[in-house]
N, C-alpha and C. Protein backbone atom coordinates (compact mmCIF):
# COMPACT_ATOMS: atom_id res chain seq x y z
N UNK A 1 108.73 59.42 -163.90
CA UNK A 1 109.87 59.71 -163.05
C UNK A 1 110.76 58.48 -163.01
N UNK A 2 112.04 58.70 -163.22
CA UNK A 2 113.01 57.62 -163.13
C UNK A 2 114.00 58.00 -162.04
N UNK A 3 114.02 57.23 -160.96
CA UNK A 3 114.89 57.50 -159.83
C UNK A 3 116.01 56.48 -159.81
N UNK A 4 117.21 56.95 -159.96
CA UNK A 4 118.39 56.10 -159.84
C UNK A 4 118.92 56.21 -158.42
N UNK A 5 119.04 55.09 -157.74
CA UNK A 5 119.47 55.13 -156.35
C UNK A 5 120.97 54.93 -156.23
N UNK A 6 121.54 55.58 -155.22
CA UNK A 6 122.97 55.49 -154.96
C UNK A 6 123.32 56.29 -153.73
N UNK A 7 124.60 56.51 -153.54
CA UNK A 7 125.09 57.30 -152.42
C UNK A 7 125.80 58.54 -152.95
N UNK A 8 125.52 59.71 -152.37
CA UNK A 8 126.18 60.94 -152.80
C UNK A 8 127.62 61.00 -152.29
N UNK A 9 128.42 61.82 -152.91
CA UNK A 9 129.77 62.08 -152.43
C UNK A 9 130.83 61.42 -153.30
N UNK A 10 131.99 62.08 -153.33
CA UNK A 10 133.10 61.62 -154.17
C UNK A 10 133.57 60.21 -153.81
N UNK A 11 133.50 59.86 -152.52
CA UNK A 11 133.99 58.53 -152.12
C UNK A 11 133.14 57.40 -152.69
N UNK A 12 131.91 57.69 -153.11
CA UNK A 12 131.02 56.67 -153.68
C UNK A 12 130.89 56.78 -155.19
N UNK A 13 131.47 57.81 -155.75
CA UNK A 13 131.34 58.05 -157.19
C UNK A 13 131.84 56.83 -157.98
N UNK A 14 131.04 56.40 -158.92
CA UNK A 14 131.37 55.31 -159.84
C UNK A 14 131.59 53.96 -159.13
N UNK A 15 130.97 53.79 -157.96
CA UNK A 15 131.04 52.49 -157.29
C UNK A 15 129.90 51.61 -157.82
N UNK A 16 130.01 50.33 -157.57
CA UNK A 16 128.98 49.39 -158.02
C UNK A 16 127.60 49.74 -157.43
N UNK A 17 127.59 50.19 -156.18
CA UNK A 17 126.33 50.51 -155.49
C UNK A 17 125.62 51.70 -156.14
N UNK A 18 126.34 52.48 -156.92
CA UNK A 18 125.77 53.65 -157.57
C UNK A 18 125.34 53.38 -159.01
N UNK A 19 125.06 52.13 -159.33
CA UNK A 19 124.62 51.77 -160.68
C UNK A 19 123.36 52.56 -161.07
N UNK A 20 122.47 52.79 -160.12
CA UNK A 20 121.26 53.57 -160.40
C UNK A 20 121.59 55.00 -160.79
N UNK A 21 122.50 55.63 -160.04
CA UNK A 21 122.95 56.98 -160.38
C UNK A 21 123.55 56.99 -161.78
N UNK A 22 124.39 56.00 -162.07
CA UNK A 22 125.09 55.97 -163.35
C UNK A 22 124.12 55.86 -164.52
N UNK A 23 123.05 55.09 -164.36
CA UNK A 23 122.08 54.99 -165.45
C UNK A 23 121.32 56.29 -165.65
N UNK A 24 120.84 56.93 -164.58
CA UNK A 24 120.09 58.18 -164.81
C UNK A 24 121.02 59.29 -165.31
N UNK A 25 122.29 59.24 -164.94
CA UNK A 25 123.26 60.19 -165.51
C UNK A 25 123.39 59.98 -167.01
N UNK A 26 123.42 58.72 -167.42
CA UNK A 26 123.51 58.41 -168.86
C UNK A 26 122.24 58.83 -169.58
N UNK A 27 121.08 58.61 -168.97
CA UNK A 27 119.82 59.06 -169.58
C UNK A 27 119.82 60.58 -169.74
N UNK A 28 120.28 61.29 -168.72
CA UNK A 28 120.34 62.75 -168.80
C UNK A 28 121.26 63.19 -169.94
N UNK A 29 122.39 62.51 -170.09
CA UNK A 29 123.32 62.84 -171.17
C UNK A 29 122.66 62.60 -172.54
N UNK A 30 122.04 61.45 -172.69
CA UNK A 30 121.40 61.10 -173.97
C UNK A 30 120.27 62.07 -174.31
N UNK A 31 119.50 62.47 -173.31
CA UNK A 31 118.34 63.34 -173.53
C UNK A 31 118.67 64.82 -173.42
N UNK A 32 119.93 65.15 -173.13
CA UNK A 32 120.33 66.55 -173.03
C UNK A 32 119.70 67.27 -171.85
N UNK A 33 119.48 66.56 -170.76
CA UNK A 33 118.87 67.14 -169.55
C UNK A 33 119.96 67.60 -168.59
N UNK A 34 119.73 68.73 -167.94
CA UNK A 34 120.70 69.28 -166.99
C UNK A 34 120.24 69.04 -165.56
N UNK A 35 121.20 68.68 -164.71
CA UNK A 35 120.91 68.42 -163.31
C UNK A 35 120.83 69.72 -162.52
N UNK A 36 119.85 69.77 -161.63
CA UNK A 36 119.69 70.90 -160.73
C UNK A 36 119.45 70.37 -159.32
N UNK A 37 120.00 71.08 -158.36
CA UNK A 37 119.80 70.69 -156.97
C UNK A 37 118.41 71.13 -156.51
N UNK A 38 117.68 70.20 -155.94
CA UNK A 38 116.37 70.48 -155.33
C UNK A 38 116.54 70.19 -153.85
N UNK A 39 117.05 71.18 -153.12
CA UNK A 39 117.38 70.99 -151.70
C UNK A 39 116.18 70.60 -150.85
N UNK A 40 115.01 71.13 -151.19
CA UNK A 40 113.84 70.80 -150.36
C UNK A 40 113.48 69.32 -150.46
N UNK A 41 113.96 68.66 -151.53
CA UNK A 41 113.71 67.23 -151.71
C UNK A 41 114.99 66.41 -151.49
N UNK A 42 116.07 67.09 -151.13
CA UNK A 42 117.36 66.44 -150.92
C UNK A 42 117.71 65.55 -152.13
N UNK A 43 117.61 66.16 -153.33
CA UNK A 43 117.82 65.42 -154.56
C UNK A 43 118.43 66.29 -155.64
N UNK A 44 119.03 65.63 -156.59
CA UNK A 44 119.39 66.26 -157.86
C UNK A 44 118.32 65.80 -158.85
N UNK A 45 117.79 66.74 -159.62
CA UNK A 45 116.69 66.45 -160.53
C UNK A 45 117.03 67.02 -161.91
N UNK A 46 116.72 66.26 -162.94
CA UNK A 46 116.89 66.72 -164.32
C UNK A 46 115.58 66.48 -165.06
N UNK A 47 115.16 67.47 -165.82
CA UNK A 47 113.93 67.34 -166.61
C UNK A 47 114.33 67.02 -168.05
N UNK A 48 113.90 65.86 -168.50
CA UNK A 48 114.24 65.43 -169.85
C UNK A 48 112.99 65.22 -170.67
N UNK A 49 113.18 65.10 -171.96
CA UNK A 49 112.09 64.78 -172.87
C UNK A 49 112.48 63.52 -173.64
N UNK A 50 111.62 62.51 -173.55
CA UNK A 50 111.88 61.25 -174.23
C UNK A 50 110.56 60.65 -174.68
N UNK A 51 110.56 60.18 -175.92
CA UNK A 51 109.37 59.53 -176.47
C UNK A 51 108.13 60.42 -176.33
N UNK A 52 108.34 61.74 -176.52
CA UNK A 52 107.22 62.68 -176.48
C UNK A 52 106.69 62.98 -175.09
N UNK A 53 107.43 62.62 -174.06
CA UNK A 53 106.99 62.83 -172.68
C UNK A 53 108.03 63.63 -171.90
N UNK A 54 107.57 64.34 -170.89
CA UNK A 54 108.48 64.92 -169.92
C UNK A 54 108.82 63.84 -168.92
N UNK A 55 110.10 63.67 -168.68
CA UNK A 55 110.56 62.65 -167.74
C UNK A 55 111.44 63.32 -166.70
N UNK A 56 111.11 63.09 -165.44
CA UNK A 56 111.93 63.60 -164.34
C UNK A 56 112.93 62.53 -163.97
N UNK A 57 114.21 62.89 -164.04
CA UNK A 57 115.28 62.01 -163.60
C UNK A 57 115.70 62.46 -162.21
N UNK A 58 115.90 61.51 -161.32
CA UNK A 58 116.15 61.84 -159.92
C UNK A 58 117.35 61.06 -159.40
N UNK A 59 118.21 61.77 -158.68
CA UNK A 59 119.30 61.16 -157.91
C UNK A 59 119.14 61.62 -156.46
N UNK A 60 118.47 60.83 -155.62
CA UNK A 60 118.32 61.22 -154.21
C UNK A 60 119.69 61.39 -153.56
N UNK A 61 119.82 62.41 -152.75
CA UNK A 61 121.07 62.68 -152.04
C UNK A 61 120.96 62.28 -150.57
N UNK A 62 120.03 61.41 -150.26
CA UNK A 62 119.73 60.98 -148.90
C UNK A 62 120.56 59.79 -148.44
N UNK A 63 121.38 59.26 -149.29
CA UNK A 63 122.05 57.97 -149.13
C UNK A 63 121.04 56.87 -149.41
N UNK A 64 121.57 55.75 -149.85
CA UNK A 64 120.76 54.65 -150.36
C UNK A 64 119.62 54.26 -149.43
N UNK A 65 119.92 54.06 -148.15
CA UNK A 65 118.94 53.48 -147.23
C UNK A 65 117.78 54.40 -146.90
N UNK A 66 117.85 55.68 -147.30
CA UNK A 66 116.75 56.62 -147.06
C UNK A 66 116.22 57.20 -148.37
N UNK A 67 116.49 56.54 -149.47
CA UNK A 67 116.10 57.03 -150.80
C UNK A 67 114.61 57.27 -150.94
N UNK A 68 113.81 56.48 -150.27
CA UNK A 68 112.36 56.60 -150.38
C UNK A 68 111.84 57.95 -149.92
N UNK A 69 112.53 58.58 -148.98
CA UNK A 69 112.11 59.91 -148.51
C UNK A 69 112.05 60.88 -149.69
N UNK A 70 113.12 60.92 -150.46
CA UNK A 70 113.19 61.83 -151.61
C UNK A 70 112.24 61.39 -152.73
N UNK A 71 112.24 60.10 -153.04
CA UNK A 71 111.39 59.59 -154.13
C UNK A 71 109.92 59.86 -153.83
N UNK A 72 109.49 59.56 -152.62
CA UNK A 72 108.09 59.78 -152.23
C UNK A 72 107.70 61.25 -152.29
N UNK A 73 108.56 62.12 -151.78
CA UNK A 73 108.26 63.56 -151.78
C UNK A 73 108.20 64.11 -153.21
N UNK A 74 109.11 63.70 -154.06
CA UNK A 74 109.11 64.18 -155.45
C UNK A 74 107.91 63.64 -156.22
N UNK A 75 107.56 62.40 -155.98
CA UNK A 75 106.40 61.80 -156.63
C UNK A 75 105.14 62.60 -156.31
N UNK A 76 104.97 62.95 -155.05
CA UNK A 76 103.79 63.74 -154.65
C UNK A 76 103.86 65.16 -155.23
N UNK A 77 105.02 65.78 -155.18
CA UNK A 77 105.16 67.15 -155.65
C UNK A 77 104.86 67.26 -157.16
N UNK A 78 105.41 66.35 -157.95
CA UNK A 78 105.20 66.38 -159.40
C UNK A 78 103.93 65.65 -159.83
N UNK A 79 103.20 65.13 -158.86
CA UNK A 79 101.94 64.41 -159.11
C UNK A 79 102.11 63.27 -160.12
N UNK A 80 103.15 62.50 -159.90
CA UNK A 80 103.42 61.35 -160.75
C UNK A 80 102.72 60.15 -160.13
N UNK A 81 101.95 59.44 -160.92
CA UNK A 81 101.28 58.25 -160.44
C UNK A 81 102.28 57.10 -160.32
N UNK A 82 102.10 56.24 -159.34
CA UNK A 82 103.05 55.16 -159.07
C UNK A 82 103.34 54.30 -160.32
N UNK A 83 102.35 53.99 -161.17
CA UNK A 83 102.68 53.19 -162.36
C UNK A 83 103.61 53.91 -163.35
N UNK A 84 103.85 55.20 -163.14
CA UNK A 84 104.74 55.95 -164.02
C UNK A 84 106.10 56.22 -163.37
N UNK A 85 106.43 55.41 -162.37
CA UNK A 85 107.70 55.54 -161.65
C UNK A 85 108.56 54.32 -161.95
N UNK A 86 109.83 54.56 -162.18
CA UNK A 86 110.80 53.49 -162.35
C UNK A 86 111.96 53.78 -161.40
N UNK A 87 112.30 52.80 -160.57
CA UNK A 87 113.41 52.93 -159.63
C UNK A 87 114.53 52.00 -160.12
N UNK A 88 115.74 52.55 -160.21
CA UNK A 88 116.89 51.81 -160.73
C UNK A 88 117.90 51.58 -159.61
N UNK A 89 118.28 50.31 -159.42
CA UNK A 89 119.22 49.95 -158.35
C UNK A 89 120.24 48.92 -158.84
N UNK A 90 121.30 48.78 -158.06
CA UNK A 90 122.26 47.71 -158.26
C UNK A 90 121.70 46.43 -157.66
N UNK A 91 122.19 45.28 -158.14
CA UNK A 91 121.77 44.00 -157.56
C UNK A 91 122.95 43.05 -157.58
N UNK A 92 123.47 42.72 -156.39
CA UNK A 92 124.62 41.84 -156.28
C UNK A 92 124.26 40.38 -156.57
N UNK A 93 122.97 40.05 -156.56
CA UNK A 93 122.56 38.68 -156.84
C UNK A 93 122.37 38.42 -158.34
N UNK A 94 122.48 39.45 -159.15
CA UNK A 94 122.46 39.29 -160.61
C UNK A 94 123.89 39.39 -161.12
N UNK A 95 124.25 38.56 -162.07
CA UNK A 95 125.60 38.66 -162.62
C UNK A 95 125.85 40.01 -163.28
N UNK A 96 127.09 40.46 -163.21
CA UNK A 96 127.47 41.68 -163.90
C UNK A 96 127.13 41.52 -165.38
N UNK A 97 126.51 42.53 -165.95
CA UNK A 97 126.14 42.48 -167.36
C UNK A 97 124.69 42.11 -167.59
N UNK A 98 123.94 41.89 -166.51
CA UNK A 98 122.55 41.47 -166.61
C UNK A 98 121.63 42.56 -166.06
N UNK A 99 120.46 42.72 -166.69
CA UNK A 99 119.45 43.65 -166.18
C UNK A 99 118.13 42.89 -166.02
N UNK A 100 117.33 43.35 -165.04
CA UNK A 100 116.03 42.73 -164.82
C UNK A 100 115.03 43.81 -164.42
N UNK A 101 114.06 44.02 -165.29
CA UNK A 101 112.97 44.97 -165.05
C UNK A 101 111.76 44.19 -164.57
N UNK A 102 111.09 44.70 -163.54
CA UNK A 102 109.86 44.10 -163.02
C UNK A 102 108.86 45.20 -162.71
N UNK A 103 107.58 44.85 -162.75
CA UNK A 103 106.53 45.84 -162.47
C UNK A 103 106.23 45.96 -160.98
N UNK A 104 106.65 44.97 -160.20
CA UNK A 104 106.48 45.02 -158.75
C UNK A 104 107.29 43.89 -158.15
N UNK A 105 107.18 43.71 -156.84
CA UNK A 105 107.88 42.62 -156.19
C UNK A 105 108.48 43.05 -154.87
N UNK A 106 109.26 42.16 -154.31
CA UNK A 106 109.87 42.44 -153.01
C UNK A 106 111.15 43.24 -153.19
N UNK A 107 111.66 43.71 -152.08
CA UNK A 107 112.91 44.46 -152.12
C UNK A 107 114.10 43.52 -152.30
N UNK A 108 113.92 42.26 -152.00
CA UNK A 108 115.02 41.31 -152.10
C UNK A 108 116.14 41.64 -151.14
N UNK A 109 115.82 42.36 -150.06
CA UNK A 109 116.83 42.73 -149.09
C UNK A 109 117.59 44.01 -149.44
N UNK A 110 117.22 44.65 -150.55
CA UNK A 110 117.88 45.90 -150.95
C UNK A 110 117.28 47.04 -150.14
N UNK A 111 118.10 47.68 -149.33
CA UNK A 111 117.60 48.70 -148.41
C UNK A 111 117.05 49.94 -149.11
N UNK A 112 117.59 50.27 -150.27
CA UNK A 112 117.03 51.39 -151.04
C UNK A 112 115.61 51.10 -151.49
N UNK A 113 115.37 49.89 -151.99
CA UNK A 113 114.02 49.50 -152.40
C UNK A 113 113.09 49.41 -151.19
N UNK A 114 113.59 48.94 -150.06
CA UNK A 114 112.78 48.89 -148.84
C UNK A 114 112.30 50.30 -148.46
N UNK A 115 113.20 51.28 -148.56
CA UNK A 115 112.86 52.65 -148.23
C UNK A 115 111.82 53.21 -149.20
N UNK A 116 111.98 52.93 -150.49
CA UNK A 116 111.01 53.40 -151.48
C UNK A 116 109.65 52.77 -151.20
N UNK A 117 109.62 51.48 -150.94
CA UNK A 117 108.37 50.78 -150.64
C UNK A 117 107.67 51.42 -149.44
N UNK A 118 108.43 51.73 -148.41
CA UNK A 118 107.87 52.35 -147.20
C UNK A 118 107.25 53.70 -147.53
N UNK A 119 107.94 54.51 -148.30
CA UNK A 119 107.48 55.88 -148.56
C UNK A 119 106.43 55.98 -149.66
N UNK A 120 106.35 54.96 -150.52
CA UNK A 120 105.27 54.94 -151.51
C UNK A 120 104.05 54.18 -150.98
N UNK A 121 104.25 53.37 -149.96
CA UNK A 121 103.16 52.61 -149.38
C UNK A 121 102.72 51.44 -150.24
N UNK A 122 103.62 50.99 -151.12
CA UNK A 122 103.29 49.87 -152.01
C UNK A 122 104.56 49.22 -152.54
N UNK A 123 104.41 47.96 -152.92
CA UNK A 123 105.48 47.23 -153.62
C UNK A 123 105.26 47.29 -155.14
N UNK A 124 104.13 47.82 -155.54
CA UNK A 124 103.74 47.82 -156.95
C UNK A 124 104.25 49.05 -157.67
N UNK A 125 105.54 49.08 -157.87
CA UNK A 125 106.18 50.11 -158.69
C UNK A 125 107.28 49.42 -159.49
N UNK A 126 107.56 49.94 -160.66
CA UNK A 126 108.57 49.33 -161.53
C UNK A 126 109.95 49.53 -160.94
N UNK A 127 110.76 48.48 -161.08
CA UNK A 127 112.14 48.57 -160.64
C UNK A 127 113.03 47.88 -161.65
N UNK A 128 114.15 48.51 -161.94
CA UNK A 128 115.14 47.96 -162.86
C UNK A 128 116.38 47.65 -162.04
N UNK A 129 116.70 46.37 -161.98
CA UNK A 129 117.87 45.92 -161.23
C UNK A 129 119.02 45.73 -162.22
N UNK A 130 120.15 46.31 -161.88
CA UNK A 130 121.34 46.20 -162.72
C UNK A 130 122.33 45.31 -161.98
N UNK A 131 122.66 44.19 -162.60
CA UNK A 131 123.55 43.22 -161.97
C UNK A 131 124.97 43.74 -161.80
N UNK A 132 125.47 43.59 -160.58
CA UNK A 132 126.86 43.94 -160.30
C UNK A 132 127.64 42.71 -159.84
N UNK A 133 126.96 41.57 -159.76
CA UNK A 133 127.60 40.33 -159.34
C UNK A 133 128.08 40.39 -157.91
N UNK A 134 128.74 39.36 -157.51
CA UNK A 134 129.37 39.31 -156.19
C UNK A 134 130.63 38.50 -156.32
N UNK A 135 131.54 38.68 -155.40
CA UNK A 135 132.82 37.99 -155.51
C UNK A 135 132.70 36.50 -155.20
N UNK A 136 131.92 36.15 -154.18
CA UNK A 136 131.74 34.75 -153.82
C UNK A 136 130.25 34.51 -153.56
N UNK A 137 129.71 33.49 -154.18
CA UNK A 137 128.28 33.23 -154.08
C UNK A 137 127.81 32.94 -152.66
N UNK A 138 128.65 32.37 -151.82
CA UNK A 138 128.21 31.97 -150.49
C UNK A 138 128.37 33.07 -149.44
N UNK A 139 129.08 34.13 -149.76
CA UNK A 139 129.33 35.21 -148.81
C UNK A 139 128.19 36.21 -148.84
N UNK A 140 127.55 36.45 -147.68
CA UNK A 140 126.45 37.42 -147.60
C UNK A 140 126.96 38.83 -147.31
N UNK A 141 128.07 38.97 -146.61
CA UNK A 141 128.61 40.29 -146.30
C UNK A 141 129.35 40.80 -147.54
N UNK A 142 128.71 41.72 -148.23
CA UNK A 142 129.25 42.16 -149.53
C UNK A 142 129.50 43.66 -149.57
N UNK A 143 129.54 44.30 -148.41
CA UNK A 143 129.68 45.75 -148.36
C UNK A 143 130.90 46.22 -149.14
N UNK A 144 132.03 45.57 -148.94
CA UNK A 144 133.25 45.96 -149.65
C UNK A 144 133.10 45.85 -151.15
N UNK A 145 132.39 44.84 -151.60
CA UNK A 145 132.20 44.65 -153.04
C UNK A 145 131.29 45.73 -153.62
N UNK A 146 130.13 45.96 -153.01
CA UNK A 146 129.19 46.92 -153.60
C UNK A 146 129.71 48.35 -153.51
N UNK A 147 130.49 48.65 -152.48
CA UNK A 147 131.02 50.01 -152.36
C UNK A 147 132.36 50.18 -153.07
N UNK A 148 132.82 49.10 -153.71
CA UNK A 148 134.06 49.18 -154.49
C UNK A 148 133.80 49.69 -155.90
N UNK A 149 134.86 50.16 -156.52
CA UNK A 149 134.76 50.65 -157.90
C UNK A 149 134.91 49.48 -158.88
N UNK A 150 134.34 49.66 -160.06
CA UNK A 150 134.45 48.66 -161.11
C UNK A 150 135.92 48.50 -161.53
N UNK A 151 136.32 47.25 -161.79
CA UNK A 151 137.65 47.01 -162.36
C UNK A 151 137.63 47.46 -163.82
N UNK A 152 138.78 47.46 -164.45
CA UNK A 152 138.86 47.85 -165.86
C UNK A 152 137.97 46.96 -166.72
N UNK A 153 138.03 45.66 -166.50
CA UNK A 153 137.21 44.72 -167.27
C UNK A 153 135.72 44.94 -167.00
N UNK A 154 135.37 45.16 -165.73
CA UNK A 154 133.97 45.40 -165.37
C UNK A 154 133.46 46.71 -165.97
N UNK A 155 134.32 47.71 -166.05
CA UNK A 155 133.92 49.00 -166.63
C UNK A 155 133.51 48.84 -168.08
N UNK A 156 134.23 48.01 -168.81
CA UNK A 156 133.88 47.75 -170.21
C UNK A 156 132.51 47.08 -170.31
N UNK A 157 132.28 46.07 -169.49
CA UNK A 157 130.98 45.38 -169.48
C UNK A 157 129.88 46.36 -169.06
N UNK A 158 130.14 47.16 -168.03
CA UNK A 158 129.13 48.07 -167.52
C UNK A 158 128.76 49.13 -168.57
N UNK A 159 129.70 49.53 -169.40
CA UNK A 159 129.39 50.45 -170.50
C UNK A 159 128.33 49.87 -171.43
N UNK A 160 128.45 48.58 -171.74
CA UNK A 160 127.45 47.90 -172.57
C UNK A 160 126.11 47.82 -171.85
N UNK A 161 126.17 47.58 -170.54
CA UNK A 161 124.95 47.50 -169.73
C UNK A 161 124.20 48.84 -169.78
N UNK A 162 124.92 49.95 -169.65
CA UNK A 162 124.26 51.26 -169.68
C UNK A 162 123.54 51.48 -171.01
N UNK A 163 124.18 51.16 -172.12
CA UNK A 163 123.53 51.32 -173.43
C UNK A 163 122.28 50.44 -173.53
N UNK A 164 122.41 49.22 -173.06
CA UNK A 164 121.29 48.26 -173.07
C UNK A 164 120.15 48.77 -172.19
N UNK A 165 120.49 49.27 -171.01
CA UNK A 165 119.47 49.76 -170.08
C UNK A 165 118.80 51.03 -170.60
N UNK A 166 119.54 51.89 -171.29
CA UNK A 166 118.93 53.08 -171.90
C UNK A 166 117.89 52.64 -172.93
N UNK A 167 118.23 51.62 -173.73
CA UNK A 167 117.27 51.11 -174.71
C UNK A 167 116.05 50.51 -174.01
N UNK A 168 116.26 49.81 -172.90
CA UNK A 168 115.15 49.21 -172.17
C UNK A 168 114.24 50.29 -171.58
N UNK A 169 114.82 51.33 -170.99
CA UNK A 169 114.01 52.42 -170.42
C UNK A 169 113.22 53.11 -171.52
N UNK A 170 113.85 53.33 -172.67
CA UNK A 170 113.16 53.96 -173.80
C UNK A 170 111.99 53.10 -174.26
N UNK A 171 112.19 51.79 -174.31
CA UNK A 171 111.12 50.87 -174.67
C UNK A 171 110.00 50.93 -173.62
N UNK A 172 110.36 50.98 -172.34
CA UNK A 172 109.36 51.09 -171.26
C UNK A 172 108.50 52.33 -171.45
N UNK A 173 109.13 53.45 -171.78
CA UNK A 173 108.39 54.69 -172.00
C UNK A 173 107.49 54.61 -173.22
N UNK A 174 108.00 54.01 -174.29
CA UNK A 174 107.30 54.01 -175.57
C UNK A 174 106.29 52.88 -175.73
N UNK A 175 106.65 51.67 -175.24
CA UNK A 175 105.82 50.50 -175.52
C UNK A 175 105.28 49.80 -174.27
N UNK A 176 105.71 50.24 -173.09
CA UNK A 176 105.21 49.64 -171.85
C UNK A 176 106.16 48.63 -171.26
N UNK A 177 105.87 48.28 -170.02
CA UNK A 177 106.79 47.44 -169.24
C UNK A 177 106.86 46.00 -169.76
N UNK A 178 105.75 45.45 -170.21
CA UNK A 178 105.78 44.06 -170.69
C UNK A 178 106.73 43.88 -171.86
N UNK A 179 106.65 44.78 -172.84
CA UNK A 179 107.56 44.69 -174.01
C UNK A 179 109.00 44.94 -173.58
N UNK A 180 109.20 45.90 -172.68
CA UNK A 180 110.56 46.21 -172.23
C UNK A 180 111.17 45.03 -171.48
N UNK A 181 110.36 44.33 -170.70
CA UNK A 181 110.85 43.15 -169.99
C UNK A 181 111.18 42.02 -170.98
N UNK A 182 110.25 41.75 -171.88
CA UNK A 182 110.43 40.64 -172.82
C UNK A 182 111.63 40.87 -173.74
N UNK A 183 111.82 42.09 -174.16
CA UNK A 183 112.86 42.40 -175.14
C UNK A 183 114.24 42.55 -174.52
N UNK A 184 114.34 43.05 -173.28
CA UNK A 184 115.65 43.44 -172.76
C UNK A 184 116.10 42.74 -171.49
N UNK A 185 115.21 42.08 -170.73
CA UNK A 185 115.68 41.41 -169.50
C UNK A 185 116.71 40.35 -169.86
N UNK A 186 117.76 40.28 -169.08
CA UNK A 186 118.82 39.30 -169.31
C UNK A 186 120.13 39.99 -169.56
N UNK A 187 121.07 39.26 -170.19
CA UNK A 187 122.39 39.83 -170.46
C UNK A 187 122.33 40.99 -171.47
N UNK A 188 123.16 41.99 -171.23
CA UNK A 188 123.26 43.12 -172.18
C UNK A 188 123.86 42.62 -173.48
N UNK A 189 123.30 43.14 -174.56
CA UNK A 189 123.80 42.75 -175.89
C UNK A 189 124.62 43.86 -176.50
């Protein structure tokens, strides 16, 4: 299961905070998977096939800070083991154009990851952070930045990031997290 976190609704469409949504949308496009509403899980779900496996792509419609509700419920329903879950989020502390996959760790203050951790009961799940940068390194209040849309220049960089991240996710599925981290963590090529 690959859960891309973001916020539902037109006002959040294609914002930096929806980097997780944008990646799973790209995976669905590449794999020819169609999105369906799963109201009982408050999610959009697409069933894809990649590297000889069935992969559930998820876009929780709970808003970012409650994403774990949907992810946890879907994980239990589809009987997906935690080591087979990947959560994709934006990260303002990573420069735009950078990706970082990890097998576990802290939320780093990301409320979507905090919610997932709460509902899975563990920090030991894979997470792919997609760098969206920040406008000023010393400013902690970044709501306007993360909820803003990519500039024209950023959109070009983010297009490369999506291709790079699709390759990283494919490597994760095919060769495991260690190879995917070693081969793809860092700036998109």
